[in-house]
Amino acid sequence: MTVQVKRVREERADGDGTRVLVDRLWPRGVAKADADHDSWLRDVAPSSELRKWFGHDPAKYDEFARRYRAELDEEPAASALASLRDTAGPLTLLTATRDTDHSHARVLADVLRAGST
């Protein structure tokens, strides 16, 4: 599966395929009518508790990734993950996170590419 991660404010490009916003909260400052996305799958995002604990601290990233993978095995995230796996063609995961290298979207992309959590 071809999966990439982009910021939600990035314009659509050739090869993006299906663009899915994977944040639990709608991004601040982005009008829903202006967001170039095909769907919003908030159930695949980390829980609010995990997101708050992580706080986008790169020092916590490895533990965050481990905990997030565990959440992806539980409902409703597991069903949301399955629907992403059923996506035909390229998939672009969209997030408002500034540091995409230390984000849930990066963990999710790795999980999708590997085919398992």
PDB file of N, CA and C in Angstrom:
ATOM      1  N   MET A   1       0.845  -1.179   0.000  1.00  0.00           N
ATOM      2  CA  MET A   1       0.000   0.000   0.000  1.00  0.00           C
ATOM      3  C   MET A   1       0.889   1.241   0.000  1.00  0.00           C
ATOM      4  N   THR A   2       0.591   2.181  -0.882  1.00  0.00           N
ATOM      5  CA  THR A   2       1.314   3.438  -0.928  1.00  0.00           C
ATOM      6  C   THR A   2       0.639   4.418   0.011  1.00  0.00           C
ATOM      7  N   VAL A   3       1.361   4.846   1.048  1.00  0.00           N
ATOM      8  CA  VAL A   3       0.820   5.743   2.061  1.00  0.00           C
ATOM      9  C   VAL A   3       1.813   6.873   2.284  1.00  0.00           C
ATOM     10  N   GLN A   4       1.307   8.092   2.318  1.00  0.00           N
ATOM     11  CA  GLN A   4       2.152   9.225   2.656  1.00  0.00           C
ATOM     12  C   GLN A   4       1.440  10.097   3.680  1.00  0.00           C
ATOM     13  N   VAL A   5       2.205  10.950   4.346  1.00  0.00           N
ATOM     14  CA  VAL A   5       1.679  11.860   5.361  1.00  0.00           C
ATOM     15  C   VAL A   5       1.926  13.285   4.888  1.00  0.00           C
ATOM     16  N   LYS A   6       0.896  14.100   5.006  1.00  0.00           N
ATOM     17  CA  LYS A   6       1.012  15.512   4.667  1.00  0.00           C
ATOM     18  C   LYS A   6       0.256  16.345   5.691  1.00  0.00           C
ATOM     19  N   ARG A   7       0.625  17.604   5.756  1.00  0.00           N
ATOM     20  CA  ARG A   7      -0.135  18.539   6.582  1.00  0.00           C
ATOM     21  C   ARG A   7      -1.430  18.884   5.867  1.00  0.00           C
ATOM     22  N   VAL A   8      -2.479  19.098   6.620  1.00  0.00           N
ATOM     23  CA  VAL A   8      -3.812  19.325   6.059  1.00  0.00           C
ATOM     24  C   VAL A   8      -3.857  20.571   5.187  1.00  0.00           C
ATOM     25  N   ARG A   9      -2.970  21.511   5.416  1.00  0.00           N
ATOM     26  CA  ARG A   9      -2.973  22.746   4.639  1.00  0.00           C
ATOM     27  C   ARG A   9      -2.244  22.607   3.293  1.00  0.00           C
ATOM     28  N   GLU A  10      -1.579  21.492   3.072  1.00  0.00           N
ATOM     29  CA  GLU A  10      -0.880  21.283   1.803  1.00  0.00           C
ATOM     30  C   GLU A  10      -1.890  21.026   0.693  1.00  0.00           C
ATOM     31  N   GLU A  11      -1.596  21.597  -0.461  1.00  0.00           N
ATOM     32  CA  GLU A  11      -2.479  21.417  -1.606  1.00  0.00           C
ATOM     33  C   GLU A  11      -2.396  19.994  -2.146  1.00  0.00           C
ATOM     34  N   ARG A  12      -3.480  19.572  -2.756  1.00  0.00           N
ATOM     35  CA  ARG A  12      -3.524  18.259  -3.399  1.00  0.00           C
ATOM     36  C   ARG A  12      -2.491  18.211  -4.520  1.00  0.00           C
ATOM     37  N   ALA A  13      -1.832  17.090  -4.647  1.00  0.00           N
ATOM     38  CA  ALA A  13      -0.826  16.897  -5.691  1.00  0.00           C
ATOM     39  C   ALA A  13      -1.135  15.608  -6.445  1.00  0.00           C
ATOM     40  N   ASP A  14      -0.595  15.515  -7.653  1.00  0.00           N
ATOM     41  CA  ASP A  14      -0.725  14.266  -8.399  1.00  0.00           C
ATOM     42  C   ASP A  14      -0.142  13.148  -7.546  1.00  0.00           C
ATOM     43  N   GLY A  15      -0.822  12.043  -7.485  1.00  0.00           N
ATOM     44  CA  GLY A  15      -0.324  10.909  -6.725  1.00  0.00           C
ATOM     45  C   GLY A  15      -0.812  10.851  -5.293  1.00  0.00           C
ATOM     46  N   ASP A  16      -1.553  11.878  -4.842  1.00  0.00           N
ATOM     47  CA  ASP A  16      -2.070  11.846  -3.466  1.00  0.00           C
ATOM     48  C   ASP A  16      -3.103  10.741  -3.283  1.00  0.00           C
ATOM     49  N   GLY A  17      -3.844  10.443  -4.304  1.00  0.00           N
ATOM     50  CA  GLY A  17      -4.903   9.448  -4.171  1.00  0.00           C
ATOM     51  C   GLY A  17      -5.976   9.942  -3.218  1.00  0.00           C
ATOM     52  N   THR A  18      -6.450   9.058  -2.364  1.00  0.00           N
ATOM     53  CA  THR A  18      -7.471   9.402  -1.381  1.00  0.00           C
ATOM     54  C   THR A  18      -6.815  10.146  -0.228  1.00  0.00           C
ATOM     55  N   ARG A  19      -7.354  11.316   0.100  1.00  0.00           N
ATOM     56  CA  ARG A  19      -6.815  12.161   1.173  1.00  0.00           C
ATOM     57  C   ARG A  19      -7.757  12.087   2.372  1.00  0.00           C
ATOM     58  N   VAL A  20      -7.231  11.575   3.505  1.00  0.00           N
ATOM     59  CA  VAL A  20      -8.050  11.358   4.696  1.00  0.00           C
ATOM     60  C   VAL A  20      -7.456  12.120   5.870  1.00  0.00           C
ATOM     61  N   LEU A  21      -8.261  12.986   6.471  1.00  0.00           N
ATOM     62  CA  LEU A  21      -7.857  13.667   7.695  1.00  0.00           C
ATOM     63  C   LEU A  21      -7.956  12.671   8.838  1.00  0.00           C
ATOM     64  N   VAL A  22      -6.865  12.485   9.584  1.00  0.00           N
ATOM     65  CA  VAL A  22      -6.829  11.463  10.632  1.00  0.00           C
ATOM     66  C   VAL A  22      -6.633  12.072  12.027  1.00  0.00           C
ATOM     67  N   ASP A  23      -7.006  13.325  12.200  1.00  0.00           N
ATOM     68  CA  ASP A  23      -6.951  13.978  13.508  1.00  0.00           C
ATOM     69  C   ASP A  23      -8.283  13.819  14.223  1.00  0.00           C
ATOM     70  N   ARG A  24      -8.248  13.738  15.543  1.00  0.00           N
ATOM     71  CA  ARG A  24      -9.481  13.625  16.324  1.00  0.00           C
ATOM     72  C   ARG A  24     -10.262  14.944  16.310  1.00  0.00           C
ATOM     73  N   LEU A  25      -9.547  16.050  16.356  1.00  0.00           N
ATOM     74  CA  LEU A  25     -10.171  17.368  16.369  1.00  0.00           C
ATOM     75  C   LEU A  25     -10.000  18.037  15.006  1.00  0.00           C
ATOM     76  N   TRP A  26     -10.994  18.806  14.604  1.00  0.00           N
ATOM     77  CA  TRP A  26     -10.869  19.543  13.351  1.00  0.00           C
ATOM     78  C   TRP A  26      -9.779  20.598  13.524  1.00  0.00           C
ATOM     79  N   PRO A  27      -8.898  20.757  12.525  1.00  0.00           N
ATOM     80  CA  PRO A  27      -7.778  21.710  12.642  1.00  0.00           C
ATOM     81  C   PRO A  27      -8.260  23.158  12.787  1.00  0.00           C
ATOM     82  N   ARG A  28      -7.659  23.858  13.748  1.00  0.00           N
ATOM     83  CA  ARG A  28      -7.986  25.273  13.943  1.00  0.00           C
ATOM     84  C   ARG A  28      -7.580  26.078  12.719  1.00  0.00           C
ATOM     85  N   GLY A  29      -8.411  27.017  12.369  1.00  0.00           N
ATOM     86  CA  GLY A  29      -8.098  27.922  11.281  1.00  0.00           C
ATOM     87  C   GLY A  29      -8.337  27.354   9.892  1.00  0.00           C
ATOM     88  N   VAL A  30      -8.894  26.152   9.803  1.00  0.00           N
ATOM     89  CA  VAL A  30      -9.176  25.536   8.504  1.00  0.00           C
ATOM     90  C   VAL A  30     -10.687  25.372   8.370  1.00  0.00           C
ATOM     91  N   ALA A  31     -11.263  26.072   7.408  1.00  0.00           N
ATOM     92  CA  ALA A  31     -12.700  25.943   7.169  1.00  0.00           C
ATOM     93  C   ALA A  31     -12.977  24.582   6.531  1.00  0.00           C
ATOM     94  N   LYS A  32     -14.013  23.926   6.983  1.00  0.00           N
ATOM     95  CA  LYS A  32     -14.344  22.607   6.430  1.00  0.00           C
ATOM     96  C   LYS A  32     -14.555  22.664   4.927  1.00  0.00           C
ATOM     97  N   ALA A  33     -15.101  23.757   4.438  1.00  0.00           N
ATOM     98  CA  ALA A  33     -15.339  23.891   3.002  1.00  0.00           C
ATOM     99  C   ALA A  33     -14.043  24.071   2.222  1.00  0.00           C
ATOM    100  N   ASP A  34     -13.002  24.558   2.902  1.00  0.00           N
ATOM    101  CA  ASP A  34     -11.730  24.822   2.224  1.00  0.00           C
ATOM    102  C   ASP A  34     -10.730  23.669   2.310  1.00  0.00           C
ATOM    103  N   ALA A  35     -10.970  22.725   3.184  1.00  0.00           N
ATOM    104  CA  ALA A  35     -10.032  21.609   3.359  1.00  0.00           C
ATOM    105  C   ALA A  35     -10.151  20.657   2.172  1.00  0.00           C
ATOM    106  N   ASP A  36      -9.045  20.400   1.518  1.00  0.00           N
ATOM    107  CA  ASP A  36      -9.045  19.516   0.353  1.00  0.00           C
ATOM    108  C   ASP A  36      -8.811  18.087   0.829  1.00  0.00           C
ATOM    109  N   HIS A  37      -9.888  17.445   1.258  1.00  0.00           N
ATOM    110  CA  HIS A  37      -9.820  16.080   1.770  1.00  0.00           C
ATOM    111  C   HIS A  37     -11.025  15.300   1.244  1.00  0.00           C
ATOM    112  N   ASP A  38     -10.874  13.984   1.235  1.00  0.00           N
ATOM    113  CA  ASP A  38     -11.968  13.127   0.778  1.00  0.00           C
ATOM    114  C   ASP A  38     -12.827  12.641   1.939  1.00  0.00           C
ATOM    115  N   SER A  39     -12.214  12.499   3.106  1.00  0.00           N
ATOM    116  CA  SER A  39     -12.975  12.094   4.287  1.00  0.00           C
ATOM    117  C   SER A  39     -12.212  12.476   5.552  1.00  0.00           C
ATOM    118  N   TRP A  40     -12.930  12.397   6.657  1.00  0.00           N
ATOM    119  CA  TRP A  40     -12.358  12.674   7.979  1.00  0.00           C
ATOM    120  C   TRP A  40     -12.637  11.450   8.829  1.00  0.00           C
ATOM    121  N   LEU A  41     -11.593  10.786   9.276  1.00  0.00           N
ATOM    122  CA  LEU A  41     -11.726   9.542  10.028  1.00  0.00           C
ATOM    123  C   LEU A  41     -11.164   9.751  11.435  1.00  0.00           C
ATOM    124  N   ARG A  42     -11.926  10.423  12.275  1.00  0.00           N
ATOM    125  CA  ARG A  42     -11.443  10.780  13.615  1.00  0.00           C
ATOM    126  C   ARG A  42     -11.270   9.579  14.534  1.00  0.00           C
ATOM    127  N   ASP A  43     -11.984   8.477  14.269  1.00  0.00           N
ATOM    128  CA  ASP A  43     -11.884   7.305  15.154  1.00  0.00           C
ATOM    129  C   ASP A  43     -10.530   6.609  15.070  1.00  0.00           C
ATOM    130  N   VAL A  44      -9.740   6.887  14.035  1.00  0.00           N
ATOM    131  CA  VAL A  44      -8.428   6.258  13.909  1.00  0.00           C
ATOM    132  C   VAL A  44      -7.351   7.065  14.642  1.00  0.00           C
ATOM    133  N   ALA A  45      -7.698   8.240  15.116  1.00  0.00           N
ATOM    134  CA  ALA A  45      -6.749   9.093  15.841  1.00  0.00           C
ATOM    135  C   ALA A  45      -6.528   8.567  17.256  1.00  0.00           C
ATOM    136  N   PRO A  46      -5.425   8.951  17.875  1.00  0.00           N
ATOM    137  CA  PRO A  46      -5.195   8.538  19.267  1.00  0.00           C
ATOM    138  C   PRO A  46      -6.286   9.096  20.182  1.00  0.00           C
ATOM    139  N   SER A  47      -6.499   8.425  21.289  1.00  0.00           N
ATOM    140  CA  SER A  47      -7.472   8.900  22.269  1.00  0.00           C
ATOM    141  C   SER A  47      -7.052  10.279  22.779  1.00  0.00           C
ATOM    142  N   SER A  48      -8.015  11.021  23.279  1.00  0.00           N
ATOM    143  CA  SER A  48      -7.709  12.337  23.835  1.00  0.00           C
ATOM    144  C   SER A  48      -6.711  12.230  24.973  1.00  0.00           C
ATOM    145  N   GLU A  49      -6.862  11.189  25.793  1.00  0.00           N
ATOM    146  CA  GLU A  49      -5.949  11.001  26.920  1.00  0.00           C
ATOM    147  C   GLU A  49      -4.515  10.782  26.440  1.00  0.00           C
ATOM    148  N   LEU A  50      -4.338   9.941  25.427  1.00  0.00           N
ATOM    149  CA  LEU A  50      -2.996   9.674  24.909  1.00  0.00           C
ATOM    150  C   LEU A  50      -2.428  10.913  24.231  1.00  0.00           C
ATOM    151  N   ARG A  51      -3.255  11.597  23.474  1.00  0.00           N
ATOM    152  CA  ARG A  51      -2.807  12.804  22.780  1.00  0.00           C
ATOM    153  C   ARG A  51      -2.328  13.861  23.781  1.00  0.00           C
ATOM    154  N   LYS A  52      -3.096  14.043  24.859  1.00  0.00           N
ATOM    155  CA  LYS A  52      -2.711  15.026  25.882  1.00  0.00           C
ATOM    156  C   LYS A  52      -1.444  14.596  26.611  1.00  0.00           C
ATOM    157  N   TRP A  53      -1.319  13.297  26.922  1.00  0.00           N
ATOM    158  CA  TRP A  53      -0.112  12.807  27.593  1.00  0.00           C
ATOM    159  C   TRP A  53       1.119  13.062  26.725  1.00  0.00           C
ATOM    160  N   PHE A  54       1.024  12.775  25.445  1.00  0.00           N
ATOM    161  CA  PHE A  54       2.147  12.935  24.522  1.00  0.00           C
ATOM    162  C   PHE A  54       2.547  14.402  24.393  1.00  0.00           C
ATOM    163  N   GLY A  55       1.584  15.267  24.175  1.00  0.00           N
ATOM    164  CA  GLY A  55       1.869  16.689  24.078  1.00  0.00           C
ATOM    165  C   GLY A  55       2.873  17.047  22.994  1.00  0.00           C
ATOM    166  N   HIS A  56       3.028  16.206  21.988  1.00  0.00           N
ATOM    167  CA  HIS A  56       3.968  16.425  20.875  1.00  0.00           C
ATOM    168  C   HIS A  56       5.410  16.560  21.350  1.00  0.00           C
ATOM    169  N   ASP A  57       5.735  15.857  22.431  1.00  0.00           N
ATOM    170  CA  ASP A  57       7.095  15.864  22.980  1.00  0.00           C
ATOM    171  C   ASP A  57       7.898  14.755  22.297  1.00  0.00           C
ATOM    172  N   PRO A  58       8.875  15.098  21.452  1.00  0.00           N
ATOM    173  CA  PRO A  58       9.647  14.070  20.743  1.00  0.00           C
ATOM    174  C   PRO A  58      10.319  13.058  21.671  1.00  0.00           C
ATOM    175  N   ALA A  59      10.614  13.453  22.895  1.00  0.00           N
ATOM    176  CA  ALA A  59      11.237  12.528  23.846  1.00  0.00           C
ATOM    177  C   ALA A  59      10.281  11.403  24.252  1.00  0.00           C
ATOM    178  N   LYS A  60       8.982  11.639  24.120  1.00  0.00           N
ATOM    179  CA  LYS A  60       7.972  10.636  24.463  1.00  0.00           C
ATOM    180  C   LYS A  60       7.501   9.844  23.248  1.00  0.00           C
ATOM    181  N   TYR A  61       8.054  10.112  22.072  1.00  0.00           N
ATOM    182  CA  TYR A  61       7.513   9.556  20.831  1.00  0.00           C
ATOM    183  C   TYR A  61       7.502   8.034  20.794  1.00  0.00           C
ATOM    184  N   ASP A  62       8.578   7.379  21.181  1.00  0.00           N
ATOM    185  CA  ASP A  62       8.618   5.913  21.109  1.00  0.00           C
ATOM    186  C   ASP A  62       7.540   5.285  21.983  1.00  0.00           C
ATOM    187  N   GLU A  63       7.367   5.795  23.188  1.00  0.00           N
ATOM    188  CA  GLU A  63       6.324   5.268  24.075  1.00  0.00           C
ATOM    189  C   GLU A  63       4.938   5.622  23.539  1.00  0.00           C
ATOM    190  N   PHE A  64       4.791   6.824  23.008  1.00  0.00           N
ATOM    191  CA  PHE A  64       3.533   7.225  22.377  1.00  0.00           C
ATOM    192  C   PHE A  64       3.170   6.263  21.244  1.00  0.00           C
ATOM    193  N   ALA A  65       4.140   5.962  20.375  1.00  0.00           N
ATOM    194  CA  ALA A  65       3.894   5.066  19.243  1.00  0.00           C
ATOM    195  C   ALA A  65       3.461   3.684  19.726  1.00  0.00           C
ATOM    196  N   ARG A  66       4.105   3.192  20.776  1.00  0.00           N
ATOM    197  CA  ARG A  66       3.740   1.881  21.323  1.00  0.00           C
ATOM    198  C   ARG A  66       2.299   1.899  21.838  1.00  0.00           C
ATOM    199  N   ARG A  67       1.961   2.912  22.614  1.00  0.00           N
ATOM    200  CA  ARG A  67       0.605   3.009  23.163  1.00  0.00           C
ATOM    201  C   ARG A  67      -0.440   3.214  22.063  1.00  0.00           C
ATOM    202  N   TYR A  68      -0.103   4.007  21.067  1.00  0.00           N
ATOM    203  CA  TYR A  68      -1.037   4.254  19.970  1.00  0.00           C
ATOM    204  C   TYR A  68      -1.287   2.978  19.173  1.00  0.00           C
ATOM    205  N   ARG A  69      -0.252   2.207  18.914  1.00  0.00           N
ATOM    206  CA  ARG A  69      -0.446   0.929  18.216  1.00  0.00           C
ATOM    207  C   ARG A  69      -1.392   0.029  19.000  1.00  0.00           C
ATOM    208  N   ALA A  70      -1.271   0.029  20.321  1.00  0.00           N
ATOM    209  CA  ALA A  70      -2.173  -0.773  21.155  1.00  0.00           C
ATOM    210  C   ALA A  70      -3.613  -0.266  21.015  1.00  0.00           C
ATOM    211  N   GLU A  71      -3.808   1.054  20.958  1.00  0.00           N
ATOM    212  CA  GLU A  71      -5.153   1.604  20.780  1.00  0.00           C
ATOM    213  C   GLU A  71      -5.749   1.206  19.433  1.00  0.00           C
ATOM    214  N   LEU A  72      -4.904   1.059  18.420  1.00  0.00           N
ATOM    215  CA  LEU A  72      -5.401   0.689  17.093  1.00  0.00           C
ATOM    216  C   LEU A  72      -5.965  -0.728  17.047  1.00  0.00           C
ATOM    217  N   ASP A  73      -5.677  -1.528  18.062  1.00  0.00           N
ATOM    218  CA  ASP A  73      -6.229  -2.882  18.149  1.00  0.00           C
ATOM    219  C   ASP A  73      -7.614  -2.898  18.793  1.00  0.00           C
ATOM    220  N   GLU A  74      -8.018  -1.778  19.382  1.00  0.00           N
ATOM    221  CA  GLU A  74      -9.293  -1.688  20.101  1.00  0.00           C
ATOM    222  C   GLU A  74     -10.302  -0.887  19.267  1.00  0.00           C
ATOM    223  N   GLU A  75     -11.593  -1.160  19.519  1.00  0.00           N
ATOM    224  CA  GLU A  75     -12.655  -0.391  18.844  1.00  0.00           C
ATOM    225  C   GLU A  75     -12.784   0.982  19.489  1.00  0.00           C
ATOM    226  N   PRO A  76     -13.150   2.007  18.766  1.00  0.00           N
ATOM    227  CA  PRO A  76     -13.538   2.020  17.369  1.00  0.00           C
ATOM    228  C   PRO A  76     -12.364   2.171  16.391  1.00  0.00           C
ATOM    229  N   ALA A  77     -11.153   2.320  16.935  1.00  0.00           N
ATOM    230  CA  ALA A  77      -9.986   2.539  16.069  1.00  0.00           C
ATOM    231  C   ALA A  77      -9.740   1.364  15.129  1.00  0.00           C
ATOM    232  N   ALA A  78      -9.964   0.144  15.590  1.00  0.00           N
ATOM    233  CA  ALA A  78      -9.701  -1.037  14.755  1.00  0.00           C
ATOM    234  C   ALA A  78     -10.570  -1.037  13.496  1.00  0.00           C
ATOM    235  N   SER A  79     -11.836  -0.663  13.629  1.00  0.00           N
ATOM    236  CA  SER A  79     -12.718  -0.592  12.457  1.00  0.00           C
ATOM    237  C   SER A  79     -12.301   0.529  11.520  1.00  0.00           C
ATOM    238  N   ALA A  80     -11.904   1.659  12.086  1.00  0.00           N
ATOM    239  CA  ALA A  80     -11.444   2.780  11.266  1.00  0.00           C
ATOM    240  C   ALA A  80     -10.169   2.398  10.516  1.00  0.00           C
ATOM    241  N   LEU A  81      -9.273   1.702  11.190  1.00  0.00           N
ATOM    242  CA  LEU A  81      -8.035   1.235  10.559  1.00  0.00           C
ATOM    243  C   LEU A  81      -8.358   0.273   9.417  1.00  0.00           C
ATOM    244  N   ALA A  82      -9.305  -0.618   9.636  1.00  0.00           N
ATOM    245  CA  ALA A  82      -9.705  -1.567   8.587  1.00  0.00           C
ATOM    246  C   ALA A  82     -10.242  -0.836   7.364  1.00  0.00           C
ATOM    247  N   SER A  83     -10.990   0.235   7.588  1.00  0.00           N
ATOM    248  CA  SER A  83     -11.516   0.978   6.439  1.00  0.00           C
ATOM    249  C   SER A  83     -10.391   1.661   5.662  1.00  0.00           C
ATOM    250  N   LEU A  84      -9.354   2.113   6.350  1.00  0.00           N
ATOM    251  CA  LEU A  84      -8.197   2.679   5.642  1.00  0.00           C
ATOM    252  C   LEU A  84      -7.488   1.607   4.833  1.00  0.00           C
ATOM    253  N   ARG A  85      -7.385   0.416   5.398  1.00  0.00           N
ATOM    254  CA  ARG A  85      -6.728  -0.689   4.684  1.00  0.00           C
ATOM    255  C   ARG A  85      -7.493  -1.075   3.421  1.00  0.00           C
ATOM    256  N   ASP A  86      -8.793  -0.815   3.402  1.00  0.00           N
ATOM    257  CA  ASP A  86      -9.619  -1.144   2.242  1.00  0.00           C
ATOM    258  C   ASP A  86      -9.554  -0.081   1.145  1.00  0.00           C
ATOM    259  N   THR A  87      -8.831   0.996   1.386  1.00  0.00           N
ATOM    260  CA  THR A  87      -8.722   2.073   0.408  1.00  0.00           C
ATOM    261  C   THR A  87      -7.966   1.588  -0.821  1.00  0.00           C
ATOM    262  N   ALA A  88      -8.543   1.818  -1.974  1.00  0.00           N
ATOM    263  CA  ALA A  88      -7.890   1.426  -3.235  1.00  0.00           C
ATOM    264  C   ALA A  88      -6.981   2.555  -3.698  1.00  0.00           C
ATOM    265  N   GLY A  89      -5.814   2.189  -4.157  1.00  0.00           N
ATOM    266  CA  GLY A  89      -4.880   3.182  -4.688  1.00  0.00           C
ATOM    267  C   GLY A  89      -4.096   3.893  -3.607  1.00  0.00           C
ATOM    268  N   PRO A  90      -3.388   4.940  -3.983  1.00  0.00           N
ATOM    269  CA  PRO A  90      -2.569   5.683  -3.016  1.00  0.00           C
ATOM    270  C   PRO A  90      -3.435   6.315  -1.929  1.00  0.00           C
ATOM    271  N   LEU A  91      -2.848   6.482  -0.756  1.00  0.00           N
ATOM    272  CA  LEU A  91      -3.535   7.058   0.395  1.00  0.00           C
ATOM    273  C   LEU A  91      -2.647   8.144   0.995  1.00  0.00           C
ATOM    274  N   THR A  92      -3.232   9.304   1.232  1.00  0.00           N
ATOM    275  CA  THR A  92      -2.524  10.396   1.897  1.00  0.00           C
ATOM    276  C   THR A  92      -3.222  10.671   3.210  1.00  0.00           C
ATOM    277  N   LEU A  93      -2.475  10.528   4.307  1.00  0.00           N
ATOM    278  CA  LEU A  93      -2.994  10.813   5.641  1.00  0.00           C
ATOM    279  C   LEU A  93      -2.715  12.280   5.940  1.00  0.00           C
ATOM    280  N   LEU A  94      -3.757  13.006   6.299  1.00  0.00           N
ATOM    281  CA  LEU A  94      -3.630  14.431   6.574  1.00  0.00           C
ATOM    282  C   LEU A  94      -3.707  14.696   8.069  1.00  0.00           C
ATOM    283  N   THR A  95      -2.860  15.602   8.541  1.00  0.00           N
ATOM    284  CA  THR A  95      -2.847  15.989   9.940  1.00  0.00           C
ATOM    285  C   THR A  95      -2.510  17.464  10.060  1.00  0.00           C
ATOM    286  N   ALA A  96      -2.962  18.077  11.145  1.00  0.00           N
ATOM    287  CA  ALA A  96      -2.614  19.472  11.409  1.00  0.00           C
ATOM    288  C   ALA A  96      -1.301  19.574  12.177  1.00  0.00           C
ATOM    289  N   THR A  97      -0.785  18.460  12.633  1.00  0.00           N
ATOM    290  CA  THR A  97       0.448  18.440  13.417  1.00  0.00           C
ATOM    291  C   THR A  97       1.604  19.036  12.627  1.00  0.00           C
ATOM    292  N   ARG A  98       2.354  19.922  13.275  1.00  0.00           N
ATOM    293  CA  ARG A  98       3.492  20.561  12.586  1.00  0.00           C
ATOM    294  C   ARG A  98       4.641  19.587  12.378  1.00  0.00           C
ATOM    295  N   ASP A  99       4.938  18.785  13.383  1.00  0.00           N
ATOM    296  CA  ASP A  99       6.060  17.840  13.323  1.00  0.00           C
ATOM    297  C   ASP A  99       5.526  16.479  12.873  1.00  0.00           C
ATOM    298  N   THR A 100       5.406  16.309  11.564  1.00  0.00           N
ATOM    299  CA  THR A 100       4.814  15.063  11.060  1.00  0.00           C
ATOM    300  C   THR A 100       5.711  13.855  11.312  1.00  0.00           C
ATOM    301  N   ASP A 101       7.013  14.068  11.507  1.00  0.00           N
ATOM    302  CA  ASP A 101       7.908  12.946  11.778  1.00  0.00           C
ATOM    303  C   ASP A 101       7.680  12.353  13.164  1.00  0.00           C
ATOM    304  N   HIS A 102       7.105  13.116  14.069  1.00  0.00           N
ATOM    305  CA  HIS A 102       6.800  12.649  15.426  1.00  0.00           C
ATOM    306  C   HIS A 102       5.306  12.772  15.679  1.00  0.00           C
ATOM    307  N   SER A 103       4.524  12.185  14.784  1.00  0.00           N
ATOM    308  CA  SER A 103       3.071  12.322  14.882  1.00  0.00           C
ATOM    309  C   SER A 103       2.377  10.970  14.808  1.00  0.00           C
ATOM    310  N   HIS A 104       1.124  10.974  15.206  1.00  0.00           N
ATOM    311  CA  HIS A 104       0.317   9.762  15.088  1.00  0.00           C
ATOM    312  C   HIS A 104       0.141   9.371  13.624  1.00  0.00           C
ATOM    313  N   ALA A 105       0.100  10.359  12.738  1.00  0.00           N
ATOM    314  CA  ALA A 105      -0.065  10.053  11.315  1.00  0.00           C
ATOM    315  C   ALA A 105       1.111   9.241  10.792  1.00  0.00           C
ATOM    316  N   ARG A 106       2.304   9.536  11.262  1.00  0.00           N
ATOM    317  CA  ARG A 106       3.493   8.772  10.859  1.00  0.00           C
ATOM    318  C   ARG A 106       3.393   7.329  11.379  1.00  0.00           C
ATOM    319  N   VAL A 107       2.977   7.153  12.625  1.00  0.00           N
ATOM    320  CA  VAL A 107       2.794   5.810  13.185  1.00  0.00           C
ATOM    321  C   VAL A 107       1.742   5.063  12.377  1.00  0.00           C
ATOM    322  N   LEU A 108       0.638   5.731  12.086  1.00  0.00           N
ATOM    323  CA  LEU A 108      -0.447   5.119  11.325  1.00  0.00           C
ATOM    324  C   LEU A 108       0.014   4.712   9.930  1.00  0.00           C
ATOM    325  N   ALA A 109       0.781   5.563   9.275  1.00  0.00           N
ATOM    326  CA  ALA A 109       1.314   5.227   7.945  1.00  0.00           C
ATOM    327  C   ALA A 109       2.198   3.990   8.023  1.00  0.00           C
ATOM    328  N   ASP A 110       3.042   3.911   9.038  1.00  0.00           N
ATOM    329  CA  ASP A 110       3.920   2.735   9.209  1.00  0.00           C
ATOM    330  C   ASP A 110       3.099   1.468   9.436  1.00  0.00           C
ATOM    331  N   VAL A 111       2.052   1.574  10.242  1.00  0.00           N
ATOM    332  CA  VAL A 111       1.164   0.429  10.496  1.00  0.00           C
ATOM    333  C   VAL A 111       0.494  -0.028   9.209  1.00  0.00           C
ATOM    334  N   LEU A 112       0.003   0.911   8.426  1.00  0.00           N
ATOM    335  CA  LEU A 112      -0.672   0.561   7.171  1.00  0.00           C
ATOM    336  C   LEU A 112       0.300  -0.082   6.188  1.00  0.00           C
ATOM    337  N   ARG A 113       1.507   0.444   6.103  1.00  0.00           N
ATOM    338  CA  ARG A 113       2.501  -0.141   5.188  1.00  0.00           C
ATOM    339  C   ARG A 113       2.895  -1.552   5.616  1.00  0.00           C
ATOM    340  N   ALA A 114       2.986  -1.780   6.924  1.00  0.00           N
ATOM    341  CA  ALA A 114       3.399  -3.080   7.449  1.00  0.00           C
ATOM    342  C   ALA A 114       2.266  -4.101   7.377  1.00  0.00           C
ATOM    343  N   GLY A 115       1.032  -3.617   7.375  1.00  0.00           N
ATOM    344  CA  GLY A 115      -0.107  -4.527   7.299  1.00  0.00           C
ATOM    345  C   GLY A 115      -0.562  -5.057   8.644  1.00  0.00           C
ATOM    346  N   SER A 116       0.083  -4.639   9.722  1.00  0.00           N
ATOM    347  CA  SER A 116      -0.342  -5.063  11.076  1.00  0.00           C
ATOM    348  C   SER A 116       0.111  -4.028  12.084  1.00  0.00           C
ATOM    349  N   THR A 117      -0.477  -4.070  13.283  1.00  0.00           N
ATOM    350  CA  THR A 117      -0.098  -3.141  14.339  1.00  0.00           C
ATOM    351  C   THR A 117       1.039  -3.758  15.104  1.00  0.00           C
TER     352      THR A 117
END
